Amino acid sequence: MRTIDGKFTTSTSAWSRVWRDVRLLAHLGRQIVQYWTKGSRIRRSYRRKDDRGEVYWLD
């Protein structure tokens, strides 16, 4: 299984670990923004279809 920090753990210098943590923080920030933007659109669409009794397929 692929993890978000697995490919960044090969180097042990302090600078590389800080840079790895910065990239990880940026990755988590992008996930949060996508949850708020894309996720809210999907949830809104799902609620509208659910209220009308329609089927909404999620992948």
Protein backbone atom coordinates (compact mmCIF):
# COMPACT_ATOMS: atom_id res chain seq x y z
CA MET A 1 0.00 0.00 0.00
CA ARG A 2 1.27 3.47 -0.85
CA THR A 3 1.63 5.96 1.97
CA ILE A 4 2.03 9.71 1.70
CA ASP A 5 5.42 9.78 3.42
CA GLY A 6 6.96 6.48 2.32
CA LYS A 7 8.93 7.86 -0.60
CA PHE A 8 10.47 10.66 1.48
CA THR A 9 12.08 8.57 4.25
CA THR A 10 15.29 7.48 2.49
CA SER A 11 17.48 10.42 3.56
CA THR A 12 18.30 11.09 7.20
CA SER A 13 19.81 14.59 7.15
CA ALA A 14 18.04 17.27 9.15
CA TRP A 15 17.37 19.46 6.10
CA SER A 16 15.82 16.57 4.15
CA ARG A 17 13.57 15.69 7.08
CA VAL A 18 12.39 19.31 7.39
CA TRP A 19 11.77 19.48 3.63
CA ARG A 20 9.86 16.17 3.82
CA ASP A 21 7.68 17.58 6.61
CA VAL A 22 7.00 20.76 4.62
CA ARG A 23 5.93 18.69 1.61
CA LEU A 24 3.74 16.53 3.82
CA LEU A 25 2.11 19.64 5.31
CA ALA A 26 1.47 21.00 1.81
CA HIS A 27 -0.04 17.66 0.77
CA LEU A 28 -2.38 17.66 3.76
CA GLY A 29 -3.32 21.29 3.07
CA ARG A 30 -4.26 20.41 -0.52
CA GLN A 31 -6.40 17.52 0.74
CA ILE A 32 -8.24 19.82 3.15
CA VAL A 33 -8.91 22.40 0.43
CA GLN A 34 -10.20 19.69 -1.92
CA TYR A 35 -12.45 18.35 0.84
CA TRP A 36 -13.94 21.83 1.33
CA THR A 37 -14.35 22.61 -2.39
CA LYS A 38 -14.91 19.44 -4.39
CA GLY A 39 -16.34 17.57 -1.43
CA SER A 40 -18.91 20.25 -0.69
CA ARG A 41 -20.08 20.24 -4.33
CA ILE A 42 -20.45 16.46 -4.25
CA ARG A 43 -22.30 16.52 -0.92
CA ARG A 44 -24.64 19.26 -2.15
CA SER A 45 -25.41 17.35 -5.33
CA TYR A 46 -25.98 14.17 -3.34
CA ARG A 47 -28.39 15.94 -0.98
CA ARG A 48 -30.39 17.40 -3.88
CA LYS A 49 -30.71 14.03 -5.57
CA ASP A 50 -31.50 12.30 -2.29
CA ASP A 51 -34.27 14.80 -1.58
CA ARG A 52 -35.77 14.10 -5.02
CA GLY A 53 -35.44 10.34 -4.52
CA GLU A 54 -32.96 9.91 -7.38
CA VAL A 55 -30.03 7.51 -7.42
CA TYR A 56 -26.60 9.09 -7.10
CA TRP A 57 -23.68 6.82 -7.92
CA LEU A 58 -20.38 7.50 -6.20
CA ASP A 59 -17.19 6.03 -7.53
